[in-house]
Amino acid sequence: MDVPGRCHRVAAPWRKLSKEELENQYSPSRWVKRRGAEEALRTYSQIGDEATKRARATRSLLNVPYGDGEGEKLDIYFPDRVSEASPFCVFLHGGYWQSGSKDTSAFTVNPVTAEGVAVVVVGYDIAPKGTLDQMVDQVARSVVFIQKQYPHNRGIYLCGHSAGAHLAAMMLLASWTKHGVTPNLKGFFLVSGIYDLEPIVFTSQNIPLLMTLEDARRNSPQLILEAALVQPVDPACRVLVIVGQYDSPEFFRQSREFYQTLCRGGWNASFEELQDVDHFEIIWKLTQKDYVLTQMILRTILQEPG
């Protein structure tokens, strides 16, 4: 989707940052509080590995193809009582569109399936193999696949972290007509995401991505919503924009501004700042049933009062 030129974007706060400060703001591991950057990344990977091994010991269908590409596979984890009418929580991993894998990202599986919700963890082709356009298309096709396989589902809820939150947010704007089915999307959990990709073009994160400014604008839900104020297909669909207390100020700004833009467009959106967590803790704690975000996700899916 093309975004018209907008003079007011020149004043975007990130444009006033030096190259070094911009790099710092978009390097989440530099903002961790309780451990060094390397230890934070190592712990994140270790917890993801362990959570996935535990999840795969439960009822699951692994490496289910949703397309013809080598990377177009997903894992489905079922609750003990399997039903085609279950709600589905679809998880999209982070990693700046260039790292991470569904094979190490089953953080939510055990606490969520224990409450009767099926969990799907989606794989997609990260850079340099995949482009942003391809990743967005892959995620859309994975959602369509779930809808077609389980047409009686009680709702599909997308949960994305960091780059995965961006990909989930792009599904708010997807044109489902070409896919021949409109997914039963009931909620979005956008965790520590990036919604305006323009600043990423000017950081080292763009080296494997090779994004042009045109690519970034075409794949920026913030800019698309600002330009078009796309109306929600289902006004009852909930969008939770979530950020950690120890995310960087730029990550916080992006989340806040995206939430505000959603509200102006008539979306059923809410904003949550989770206390005492950084960019990595905010997602690895989803392995814990009593964690505030786990409970938030379950209340939304099970439609319980907060």
C-alpha atoms as a PDB file:
ATOM      1  CA  MET A   1       0.000   0.000   0.000  1.00  0.00           C
ATOM      2  CA  ASP A   2       1.514   3.316  -1.047  1.00  0.00           C
ATOM      3  CA  VAL A   3       1.686   6.212   1.368  1.00  0.00           C
ATOM      4  CA  PRO A   4       1.299   9.762   0.002  1.00  0.00           C
ATOM      5  CA  GLY A   5       3.995  12.282   0.788  1.00  0.00           C
ATOM      6  CA  ARG A   6       3.470  14.149   4.048  1.00  0.00           C
ATOM      7  CA  CYS A   7       5.319  17.363   4.916  1.00  0.00           C
ATOM      8  CA  HIS A   8       4.646  17.009   8.640  1.00  0.00           C
ATOM      9  CA  ARG A   9       6.728  13.805   8.856  1.00  0.00           C
ATOM     10  CA  VAL A  10       9.869  15.936   8.536  1.00  0.00           C
ATOM     11  CA  ALA A  11       9.362  16.898  12.170  1.00  0.00           C
ATOM     12  CA  ALA A  12       9.222  13.262  13.384  1.00  0.00           C
ATOM     13  CA  PRO A  13      11.244  13.174  16.642  1.00  0.00           C
ATOM     14  CA  TRP A  14      13.699  10.525  15.454  1.00  0.00           C
ATOM     15  CA  ARG A  15      14.932  12.867  12.711  1.00  0.00           C
ATOM     16  CA  LYS A  16      16.495  15.109  15.349  1.00  0.00           C
ATOM     17  CA  LEU A  17      18.684  12.275  16.695  1.00  0.00           C
ATOM     18  CA  SER A  18      22.329  11.866  15.739  1.00  0.00           C
ATOM     19  CA  LYS A  19      23.272   8.693  13.861  1.00  0.00           C
ATOM     20  CA  GLU A  20      24.825   7.295  17.055  1.00  0.00           C
ATOM     21  CA  GLU A  21      21.767   8.064  19.180  1.00  0.00           C
ATOM     22  CA  LEU A  22      19.419   6.623  16.543  1.00  0.00           C
ATOM     23  CA  GLU A  23      21.468   3.417  16.567  1.00  0.00           C
ATOM     24  CA  ASN A  24      21.300   3.347  20.346  1.00  0.00           C
ATOM     25  CA  GLN A  25      17.543   3.909  20.460  1.00  0.00           C
ATOM     26  CA  TYR A  26      16.913   1.023  18.063  1.00  0.00           C
ATOM     27  CA  SER A  27      19.269  -1.422  19.790  1.00  0.00           C
ATOM     28  CA  PRO A  28      16.996  -3.019  22.452  1.00  0.00           C
ATOM     29  CA  SER A  29      19.770  -4.996  24.151  1.00  0.00           C
ATOM     30  CA  ARG A  30      21.486  -1.723  25.157  1.00  0.00           C
ATOM     31  CA  TRP A  31      18.499  -0.870  27.384  1.00  0.00           C
ATOM     32  CA  VAL A  32      18.356  -3.968  29.587  1.00  0.00           C
ATOM     33  CA  LYS A  33      18.578  -3.275  33.326  1.00  0.00           C
ATOM     34  CA  ARG A  34      19.386  -6.531  35.119  1.00  0.00           C
ATOM     35  CA  ARG A  35      21.958  -8.142  32.839  1.00  0.00           C
ATOM     36  CA  GLY A  36      24.375  -7.210  30.086  1.00  0.00           C
ATOM     37  CA  ALA A  37      23.352  -7.150  26.439  1.00  0.00           C
ATOM     38  CA  GLU A  38      24.954 -10.493  25.592  1.00  0.00           C
ATOM     39  CA  GLU A  39      23.539 -12.195  28.669  1.00  0.00           C
ATOM     40  CA  ALA A  40      20.046 -10.822  27.936  1.00  0.00           C
ATOM     41  CA  LEU A  41      20.128 -12.212  24.396  1.00  0.00           C
ATOM     42  CA  ARG A  42      21.538 -15.537  25.601  1.00  0.00           C
ATOM     43  CA  THR A  43      18.847 -15.846  28.296  1.00  0.00           C
ATOM     44  CA  TYR A  44      16.122 -14.968  25.795  1.00  0.00           C
ATOM     45  CA  SER A  45      17.311 -17.713  23.436  1.00  0.00           C
ATOM     46  CA  GLN A  46      17.700 -20.253  26.234  1.00  0.00           C
ATOM     47  CA  ILE A  47      14.204 -19.667  27.625  1.00  0.00           C
ATOM     48  CA  GLY A  48      12.743 -19.838  24.105  1.00  0.00           C
ATOM     49  CA  ASP A  49      14.551 -23.131  23.442  1.00  0.00           C
ATOM     50  CA  GLU A  50      13.392 -24.670  26.713  1.00  0.00           C
ATOM     51  CA  ALA A  51       9.788 -23.458  26.297  1.00  0.00           C
ATOM     52  CA  THR A  52       9.637 -24.915  22.781  1.00  0.00           C
ATOM     53  CA  LYS A  53      11.010 -28.296  23.880  1.00  0.00           C
ATOM     54  CA  ARG A  54       8.368 -28.475  26.609  1.00  0.00           C
ATOM     55  CA  ALA A  55       5.625 -27.401  24.197  1.00  0.00           C
ATOM     56  CA  ARG A  56       6.598 -30.004  21.622  1.00  0.00           C
ATOM     57  CA  ALA A  57       6.113 -32.731  24.217  1.00  0.00           C
ATOM     58  CA  THR A  58       2.395 -31.826  24.217  1.00  0.00           C
ATOM     59  CA  ARG A  59      -0.321 -32.250  21.574  1.00  0.00           C
ATOM     60  CA  SER A  60       1.075 -30.593  18.473  1.00  0.00           C
ATOM     61  CA  LEU A  61       1.326 -30.573  14.699  1.00  0.00           C
ATOM     62  CA  LEU A  62       4.801 -29.407  13.680  1.00  0.00           C
ATOM     63  CA  ASN A  63       6.105 -27.922  10.435  1.00  0.00           C
ATOM     64  CA  VAL A  64       2.678 -27.696   8.816  1.00  0.00           C
ATOM     65  CA  PRO A  65       3.096 -26.037   5.392  1.00  0.00           C
ATOM     66  CA  TYR A  66       0.910 -22.998   4.739  1.00  0.00           C
ATOM     67  CA  GLY A  67       2.607 -22.332   1.400  1.00  0.00           C
ATOM     68  CA  ASP A  68       5.104 -23.816  -1.033  1.00  0.00           C
ATOM     69  CA  GLY A  69       8.202 -22.016   0.250  1.00  0.00           C
ATOM     70  CA  GLU A  70      10.761 -23.768   2.432  1.00  0.00           C
ATOM     71  CA  GLY A  71      10.217 -21.313   5.277  1.00  0.00           C
ATOM     72  CA  GLU A  72       6.418 -21.280   4.985  1.00  0.00           C
ATOM     73  CA  LYS A  73       5.625 -23.590   7.864  1.00  0.00           C
ATOM     74  CA  LEU A  74       3.866 -23.257  11.200  1.00  0.00           C
ATOM     75  CA  ASP A  75       3.471 -25.250  14.404  1.00  0.00           C
ATOM     76  CA  ILE A  76       0.062 -25.825  15.983  1.00  0.00           C
ATOM     77  CA  TYR A  77      -0.255 -26.635  19.686  1.00  0.00           C
ATOM     78  CA  PHE A  78      -3.603 -27.884  20.905  1.00  0.00           C
ATOM     79  CA  PRO A  79      -5.243 -27.812  24.325  1.00  0.00           C
ATOM     80  CA  ASP A  80      -6.059 -31.168  25.936  1.00  0.00           C
ATOM     81  CA  ARG A  81      -9.635 -30.917  24.711  1.00  0.00           C
ATOM     82  CA  VAL A  82      -9.172 -30.421  21.005  1.00  0.00           C
ATOM     83  CA  SER A  83     -12.000 -28.627  19.248  1.00  0.00           C
ATOM     84  CA  GLU A  84     -12.264 -26.989  15.837  1.00  0.00           C
ATOM     85  CA  ALA A  85     -14.230 -24.303  17.662  1.00  0.00           C
ATOM     86  CA  SER A  86     -11.279 -23.337  19.868  1.00  0.00           C
ATOM     87  CA  PRO A  87      -9.911 -19.805  19.796  1.00  0.00           C
ATOM     88  CA  PHE A  88      -6.456 -19.585  18.210  1.00  0.00           C
ATOM     89  CA  CYS A  89      -3.566 -17.425  19.474  1.00  0.00           C
ATOM     90  CA  VAL A  90      -1.087 -16.924  16.633  1.00  0.00           C
ATOM     91  CA  PHE A  91       2.445 -15.929  17.687  1.00  0.00           C
ATOM     92  CA  LEU A  92       4.877 -14.027  15.431  1.00  0.00           C
ATOM     93  CA  HIS A  93       8.458 -13.976  16.682  1.00  0.00           C
ATOM     94  CA  GLY A  94      10.750 -10.965  16.751  1.00  0.00           C
ATOM     95  CA  GLY A  95      14.387 -10.588  15.707  1.00  0.00           C
ATOM     96  CA  TYR A  96      14.402  -7.428  13.566  1.00  0.00           C
ATOM     97  CA  TRP A  97      13.122  -9.427  10.554  1.00  0.00           C
ATOM     98  CA  GLN A  98      16.592 -11.048  10.343  1.00  0.00           C
ATOM     99  CA  SER A  99      16.870 -13.505  13.229  1.00  0.00           C
ATOM    100  CA  GLY A 100      14.642 -15.685  15.372  1.00  0.00           C
ATOM    101  CA  SER A 101      12.633 -18.754  14.451  1.00  0.00           C
ATOM    102  CA  LYS A 102       9.351 -20.480  15.200  1.00  0.00           C
ATOM    103  CA  ASP A 103      11.521 -23.354  16.469  1.00  0.00           C
ATOM    104  CA  THR A 104      12.587 -21.332  19.513  1.00  0.00           C
ATOM    105  CA  SER A 105       9.511 -19.169  20.090  1.00  0.00           C
ATOM    106  CA  ALA A 106       6.814 -21.274  21.823  1.00  0.00           C
ATOM    107  CA  PHE A 107       6.827 -18.974  24.884  1.00  0.00           C
ATOM    108  CA  THR A 108       3.049 -18.778  25.227  1.00  0.00           C
ATOM    109  CA  VAL A 109       2.151 -22.400  24.546  1.00  0.00           C
ATOM    110  CA  ASN A 110       1.886 -24.118  27.915  1.00  0.00           C
ATOM    111  CA  PRO A 111       0.063 -21.384  29.901  1.00  0.00           C
ATOM    112  CA  VAL A 112      -2.347 -20.596  27.053  1.00  0.00           C
ATOM    113  CA  THR A 113      -3.222 -24.121  25.890  1.00  0.00           C
ATOM    114  CA  ALA A 114      -3.882 -25.016  29.548  1.00  0.00           C
ATOM    115  CA  GLU A 115      -6.875 -22.659  29.338  1.00  0.00           C
ATOM    116  CA  GLY A 116      -8.346 -24.227  26.207  1.00  0.00           C
ATOM    117  CA  VAL A 117      -6.760 -21.949  23.599  1.00  0.00           C
ATOM    118  CA  ALA A 118      -4.874 -23.400  20.614  1.00  0.00           C
ATOM    119  CA  VAL A 119      -1.524 -21.718  19.855  1.00  0.00           C
ATOM    120  CA  VAL A 120       0.065 -21.362  16.419  1.00  0.00           C
ATOM    121  CA  VAL A 121       3.708 -20.283  16.022  1.00  0.00           C
ATOM    122  CA  VAL A 122       4.406 -19.045  12.494  1.00  0.00           C
ATOM    123  CA  GLY A 123       7.628 -19.314  10.551  1.00  0.00           C
ATOM    124  CA  TYR A 124       8.503 -16.782   7.847  1.00  0.00           C
ATOM    125  CA  ASP A 125      11.530 -16.096   5.649  1.00  0.00           C
ATOM    126  CA  ILE A 126      13.785 -13.675   7.501  1.00  0.00           C
ATOM    127  CA  ALA A 127      16.351 -11.450   5.787  1.00  0.00           C
ATOM    128  CA  PRO A 128      18.427 -11.637   3.738  1.00  0.00           C
ATOM    129  CA  LYS A 129      16.364 -14.426   2.123  1.00  0.00           C
ATOM    130  CA  GLY A 130      13.042 -12.711   2.737  1.00  0.00           C
ATOM    131  CA  THR A 131      12.045  -9.106   2.060  1.00  0.00           C
ATOM    132  CA  LEU A 132       9.582  -7.104   4.158  1.00  0.00           C
ATOM    133  CA  ASP A 133       6.952  -7.420   1.438  1.00  0.00           C
ATOM    134  CA  GLN A 134       7.400 -11.186   1.356  1.00  0.00           C
ATOM    135  CA  MET A 135       7.198 -11.503   5.149  1.00  0.00           C
ATOM    136  CA  VAL A 136       3.973  -9.492   5.290  1.00  0.00           C
ATOM    137  CA  ASP A 137       2.497 -11.664   2.536  1.00  0.00           C
ATOM    138  CA  GLN A 138       3.608 -14.863   4.290  1.00  0.00           C
ATOM    139  CA  VAL A 139       1.987 -13.853   7.559  1.00  0.00           C
ATOM    140  CA  ALA A 140      -1.259 -12.987   5.743  1.00  0.00           C
ATOM    141  CA  ARG A 141      -1.248 -16.377   4.040  1.00  0.00           C
ATOM    142  CA  SER A 142      -0.549 -18.159   7.334  1.00  0.00           C
ATOM    143  CA  VAL A 143      -3.609 -16.486   8.895  1.00  0.00           C
ATOM    144  CA  VAL A 144      -5.731 -17.420   5.868  1.00  0.00           C
ATOM    145  CA  PHE A 145      -4.493 -21.017   6.168  1.00  0.00           C
ATOM    146  CA  ILE A 146      -5.604 -21.202   9.811  1.00  0.00           C
ATOM    147  CA  GLN A 147      -9.014 -19.777   8.939  1.00  0.00           C
ATOM    148  CA  LYS A 148      -9.503 -22.273   6.108  1.00  0.00           C
ATOM    149  CA  GLN A 149      -8.291 -25.240   8.177  1.00  0.00           C
ATOM    150  CA  TYR A 150     -10.392 -24.302  11.220  1.00  0.00           C
ATOM    151  CA  PRO A 151     -13.372 -22.355   9.839  1.00  0.00           C
ATOM    152  CA  HIS A 152     -15.386 -22.814  13.045  1.00  0.00           C
ATOM    153  CA  ASN A 153     -12.757 -21.178  15.257  1.00  0.00           C
ATOM    154  CA  ARG A 154     -13.939 -18.919  18.073  1.00  0.00           C
ATOM    155  CA  GLY A 155     -11.593 -16.158  17.017  1.00  0.00           C
ATOM    156  CA  ILE A 156      -8.036 -15.697  15.778  1.00  0.00           C
ATOM    157  CA  TYR A 157      -5.832 -13.505  17.968  1.00  0.00           C
ATOM    158  CA  LEU A 158      -2.455 -12.316  16.695  1.00  0.00           C
ATOM    159  CA  CYS A 159       0.371 -11.836  19.191  1.00  0.00           C
ATOM    160  CA  GLY A 160       3.610 -10.380  17.869  1.00  0.00           C
ATOM    161  CA  HIS A 161       6.820  -9.294  19.571  1.00  0.00           C
ATOM    162  CA  SER A 162       9.086  -6.535  18.223  1.00  0.00           C
ATOM    163  CA  ALA A 163       9.374  -7.199  14.457  1.00  0.00           C
ATOM    164  CA  GLY A 164       6.568  -9.733  14.944  1.00  0.00           C
ATOM    165  CA  ALA A 165       4.372  -6.951  16.354  1.00  0.00           C
ATOM    166  CA  HIS A 166       5.006  -4.994  13.162  1.00  0.00           C
ATOM    167  CA  LEU A 167       3.969  -7.975  11.024  1.00  0.00           C
ATOM    168  CA  ALA A 168       0.855  -8.490  13.156  1.00  0.00           C
ATOM    169  CA  ALA A 169      -0.024  -4.788  12.846  1.00  0.00           C
ATOM    170  CA  MET A 170       0.201  -5.046   9.064  1.00  0.00           C
ATOM    171  CA  MET A 171      -2.648  -7.572   9.244  1.00  0.00           C
ATOM    172  CA  LEU A 172      -4.905  -4.756  10.456  1.00  0.00           C
ATOM    173  CA  LEU A 173      -4.499  -3.297   6.981  1.00  0.00           C
ATOM    174  CA  ALA A 174      -4.531  -6.466   4.883  1.00  0.00           C
ATOM    175  CA  SER A 175      -6.835  -6.838   1.885  1.00  0.00           C
ATOM    176  CA  TRP A 176      -8.353 -10.276   2.405  1.00  0.00           C
ATOM    177  CA  THR A 177     -10.425 -10.261  -0.797  1.00  0.00           C
ATOM    178  CA  LYS A 178      -7.566 -11.642  -2.901  1.00  0.00           C
ATOM    179  CA  HIS A 179      -7.233 -14.560  -0.484  1.00  0.00           C
ATOM    180  CA  GLY A 180     -10.869 -15.583  -0.867  1.00  0.00           C
ATOM    181  CA  VAL A 181     -11.575 -15.624   2.863  1.00  0.00           C
ATOM    182  CA  THR A 182     -11.824 -13.069   5.657  1.00  0.00           C
ATOM    183  CA  PRO A 183     -10.168 -14.409   8.820  1.00  0.00           C
ATOM    184  CA  ASN A 184     -12.150 -14.286  12.042  1.00  0.00           C
ATOM    185  CA  LEU A 185      -9.719 -11.816  13.636  1.00  0.00           C
ATOM    186  CA  LYS A 186     -10.861 -10.879  17.131  1.00  0.00           C
ATOM    187  CA  GLY A 187      -7.780  -9.380  18.757  1.00  0.00           C
ATOM    188  CA  PHE A 188      -4.181  -8.211  18.435  1.00  0.00           C
ATOM    189  CA  PHE A 189      -1.454  -8.165  21.092  1.00  0.00           C
ATOM    190  CA  LEU A 190       1.299  -5.885  19.768  1.00  0.00           C
ATOM    191  CA  VAL A 191       4.262  -6.211  22.131  1.00  0.00           C
ATOM    192  CA  SER A 192       7.229  -3.802  21.991  1.00  0.00           C
ATOM    193  CA  GLY A 193       6.756  -3.234  18.282  1.00  0.00           C
ATOM    194  CA  ILE A 194       7.977  -0.917  15.540  1.00  0.00           C
ATOM    195  CA  TYR A 195       5.242   0.665  13.423  1.00  0.00           C
ATOM    196  CA  ASP A 196       7.144   3.338  11.491  1.00  0.00           C
ATOM    197  CA  LEU A 197      10.065   1.666   9.690  1.00  0.00           C
ATOM    198  CA  GLU A 198      11.630   4.858   8.307  1.00  0.00           C
ATOM    199  CA  PRO A 199      14.196   5.277  11.123  1.00  0.00           C
ATOM    200  CA  ILE A 200      15.368   1.670  10.694  1.00  0.00           C
ATOM    201  CA  VAL A 201      16.616   2.547   7.203  1.00  0.00           C
ATOM    202  CA  PHE A 202      19.319   4.708   8.820  1.00  0.00           C
ATOM    203  CA  THR A 203      20.573   2.094  11.328  1.00  0.00           C
ATOM    204  CA  SER A 204      22.835  -0.951  11.049  1.00  0.00           C
ATOM    205  CA  GLN A 205      19.733  -3.124  11.414  1.00  0.00           C
ATOM    206  CA  ASN A 206      19.034  -2.320   7.755  1.00  0.00           C
ATOM    207  CA  ILE A 207      22.245  -3.911   6.434  1.00  0.00           C
ATOM    208  CA  PRO A 208      20.670  -7.361   5.876  1.00  0.00           C
ATOM    209  CA  LEU A 209      17.208  -5.896   5.196  1.00  0.00           C
ATOM    210  CA  LEU A 210      18.306  -3.584   2.348  1.00  0.00           C
ATOM    211  CA  MET A 211      15.153  -1.497   2.848  1.00  0.00           C
ATOM    212  CA  THR A 212      14.731   1.628   0.784  1.00  0.00           C
ATOM    213  CA  LEU A 213      12.669   4.507   2.170  1.00  0.00           C
ATOM    214  CA  GLU A 214       9.916   3.474  -0.246  1.00  0.00           C
ATOM    215  CA  ASP A 215      10.002  -0.091   1.126  1.00  0.00           C
ATOM    216  CA  ALA A 216       9.855   1.236   4.682  1.00  0.00           C
ATOM    217  CA  ARG A 217       6.915   3.561   4.014  1.00  0.00           C
ATOM    218  CA  ARG A 218       4.969   0.874   2.145  1.00  0.00           C
ATOM    219  CA  ASN A 219       5.360  -1.437   5.145  1.00  0.00           C
ATOM    220  CA  SER A 220       4.786   1.053   7.966  1.00  0.00           C
ATOM    221  CA  PRO A 221       1.345   0.628   9.557  1.00  0.00           C
ATOM    222  CA  GLN A 222       1.785   3.941  11.382  1.00  0.00           C
ATOM    223  CA  LEU A 223       2.226   5.871   8.132  1.00  0.00           C
ATOM    224  CA  ILE A 224      -0.514   3.966   6.302  1.00  0.00           C
ATOM    225  CA  LEU A 225      -3.011   4.634   9.078  1.00  0.00           C
ATOM    226  CA  GLU A 226      -2.027   8.308   9.265  1.00  0.00           C
ATOM    227  CA  ALA A 227      -2.550   8.691   5.527  1.00  0.00           C
ATOM    228  CA  ALA A 228      -5.756   6.703   5.170  1.00  0.00           C
ATOM    229  CA  LEU A 229      -7.262   6.114   8.646  1.00  0.00           C
ATOM    230  CA  VAL A 230      -8.340   2.629   7.606  1.00  0.00           C
ATOM    231  CA  GLN A 231     -11.578   1.634   9.302  1.00  0.00           C
ATOM    232  CA  PRO A 232     -11.737  -1.590  11.311  1.00  0.00           C
ATOM    233  CA  VAL A 233     -13.510  -4.492   9.585  1.00  0.00           C
ATOM    234  CA  ASP A 234     -14.865  -5.590  12.969  1.00  0.00           C
ATOM    235  CA  PRO A 235     -15.352  -2.691  15.422  1.00  0.00           C
ATOM    236  CA  ALA A 236     -15.315  -5.193  18.304  1.00  0.00           C
ATOM    237  CA  CYS A 237     -11.817  -6.430  17.414  1.00  0.00           C
ATOM    238  CA  ARG A 238      -9.478  -5.431  20.251  1.00  0.00           C
ATOM    239  CA  VAL A 239      -5.979  -4.082  19.691  1.00  0.00           C
ATOM    240  CA  LEU A 240      -3.687  -4.016  22.723  1.00  0.00           C
ATOM    241  CA  VAL A 241      -0.508  -1.987  22.170  1.00  0.00           C
ATOM    242  CA  ILE A 242       1.974  -3.029  24.837  1.00  0.00           C
ATOM    243  CA  VAL A 243       5.428  -1.731  25.747  1.00  0.00           C
ATOM    244  CA  GLY A 244       7.884  -2.429  28.551  1.00  0.00           C
ATOM    245  CA  GLN A 245       9.017   0.114  31.118  1.00  0.00           C
ATOM    246  CA  TYR A 246      12.622  -0.497  30.039  1.00  0.00           C
ATOM    247  CA  ASP A 247      12.070  -0.405  26.297  1.00  0.00           C
ATOM    248  CA  SER A 248      13.936   2.513  24.743  1.00  0.00           C
ATOM    249  CA  PRO A 249      12.231   5.928  24.491  1.00  0.00           C
ATOM    250  CA  GLU A 250      11.871   5.458  20.722  1.00  0.00           C
ATOM    251  CA  PHE A 251      10.149   2.087  21.130  1.00  0.00           C
ATOM    252  CA  PHE A 252       7.861   3.700  23.712  1.00  0.00           C
ATOM    253  CA  ARG A 253       7.111   6.643  21.404  1.00  0.00           C
ATOM    254  CA  GLN A 254       6.333   4.357  18.489  1.00  0.00           C
ATOM    255  CA  SER A 255       3.901   2.295  20.573  1.00  0.00           C
ATOM    256  CA  ARG A 256       2.206   5.349  22.034  1.00  0.00           C
ATOM    257  CA  GLU A 257       1.796   7.070  18.669  1.00  0.00           C
ATOM    258  CA  PHE A 258       0.480   3.926  17.022  1.00  0.00           C
ATOM    259  CA  TYR A 259      -2.091   3.523  19.791  1.00  0.00           C
ATOM    260  CA  GLN A 260      -3.181   7.156  19.381  1.00  0.00           C
ATOM    261  CA  THR A 261      -3.500   6.745  15.606  1.00  0.00           C
ATOM    262  CA  LEU A 262      -5.605   3.601  16.063  1.00  0.00           C
ATOM    263  CA  CYS A 263      -7.922   5.493  18.404  1.00  0.00           C
ATOM    264  CA  ARG A 264      -8.357   8.314  15.874  1.00  0.00           C
ATOM    265  CA  GLY A 265      -9.291   5.694  13.282  1.00  0.00           C
ATOM    266  CA  GLY A 266     -12.044   4.230  15.444  1.00  0.00           C
ATOM    267  CA  TRP A 267     -10.240   1.043  16.487  1.00  0.00           C
ATOM    268  CA  ASN A 268     -11.006  -0.586  19.839  1.00  0.00           C
ATOM    269  CA  ALA A 269      -7.463   0.019  21.100  1.00  0.00           C
ATOM    270  CA  SER A 270      -5.797   0.177  24.499  1.00  0.00           C
ATOM    271  CA  PHE A 271      -2.268   1.001  25.627  1.00  0.00           C
ATOM    272  CA  GLU A 272      -0.377  -0.840  28.348  1.00  0.00           C
ATOM    273  CA  GLU A 273       3.036  -0.060  29.819  1.00  0.00           C
ATOM    274  CA  LEU A 274       4.235  -3.152  31.686  1.00  0.00           C
ATOM    275  CA  GLN A 275       6.314  -2.269  34.716  1.00  0.00           C
ATOM    276  CA  ASP A 276       9.817  -3.541  35.478  1.00  0.00           C
ATOM    277  CA  VAL A 277      10.415  -5.452  32.220  1.00  0.00           C
ATOM    278  CA  ASP A 278      12.754  -4.832  29.311  1.00  0.00           C
ATOM    279  CA  HIS A 279      12.401  -5.696  25.624  1.00  0.00           C
ATOM    280  CA  PHE A 280      13.232  -9.355  26.198  1.00  0.00           C
ATOM    281  CA  GLU A 281      11.729 -10.039  29.620  1.00  0.00           C
ATOM    282  CA  ILE A 282       8.385  -8.742  28.374  1.00  0.00           C
ATOM    283  CA  ILE A 283       8.086 -11.779  26.090  1.00  0.00           C
ATOM    284  CA  TRP A 284      10.002 -14.548  27.822  1.00  0.00           C
ATOM    285  CA  LYS A 285       7.841 -14.136  30.923  1.00  0.00           C
ATOM    286  CA  LEU A 286       4.921 -15.383  28.819  1.00  0.00           C
ATOM    287  CA  THR A 287       6.107 -18.828  29.924  1.00  0.00           C
ATOM    288  CA  GLN A 288       4.586 -17.946  33.336  1.00  0.00           C
ATOM    289  CA  LYS A 289       0.851 -18.413  33.873  1.00  0.00           C
ATOM    290  CA  ASP A 290       0.586 -15.654  36.513  1.00  0.00           C
ATOM    291  CA  TYR A 291       2.538 -13.061  34.476  1.00  0.00           C
ATOM    292  CA  VAL A 292       0.473  -9.917  33.863  1.00  0.00           C
ATOM    293  CA  LEU A 293       0.684 -10.156  30.056  1.00  0.00           C
ATOM    294  CA  THR A 294      -0.250 -13.848  30.054  1.00  0.00           C
ATOM    295  CA  GLN A 295      -3.315 -12.996  32.093  1.00  0.00           C
ATOM    296  CA  MET A 296      -4.131 -10.034  29.838  1.00  0.00           C
ATOM    297  CA  ILE A 297      -4.020 -12.282  26.775  1.00  0.00           C
ATOM    298  CA  LEU A 298      -6.170 -14.966  28.399  1.00  0.00           C
ATOM    299  CA  ARG A 299      -8.771 -12.478  29.681  1.00  0.00           C
ATOM    300  CA  THR A 300      -9.085 -10.967  26.210  1.00  0.00           C
ATOM    301  CA  ILE A 301      -9.366 -14.300  24.408  1.00  0.00           C
ATOM    302  CA  LEU A 302     -11.703 -15.856  26.967  1.00  0.00           C
ATOM    303  CA  GLN A 303     -13.642 -12.556  27.150  1.00  0.00           C
ATOM    304  CA  GLU A 304     -13.407 -12.295  30.908  1.00  0.00           C
ATOM    305  CA  PRO A 305     -13.708  -8.923  32.650  1.00  0.00           C
ATOM    306  CA  GLY A 306     -10.435  -7.282  33.601  1.00  0.00           C
END
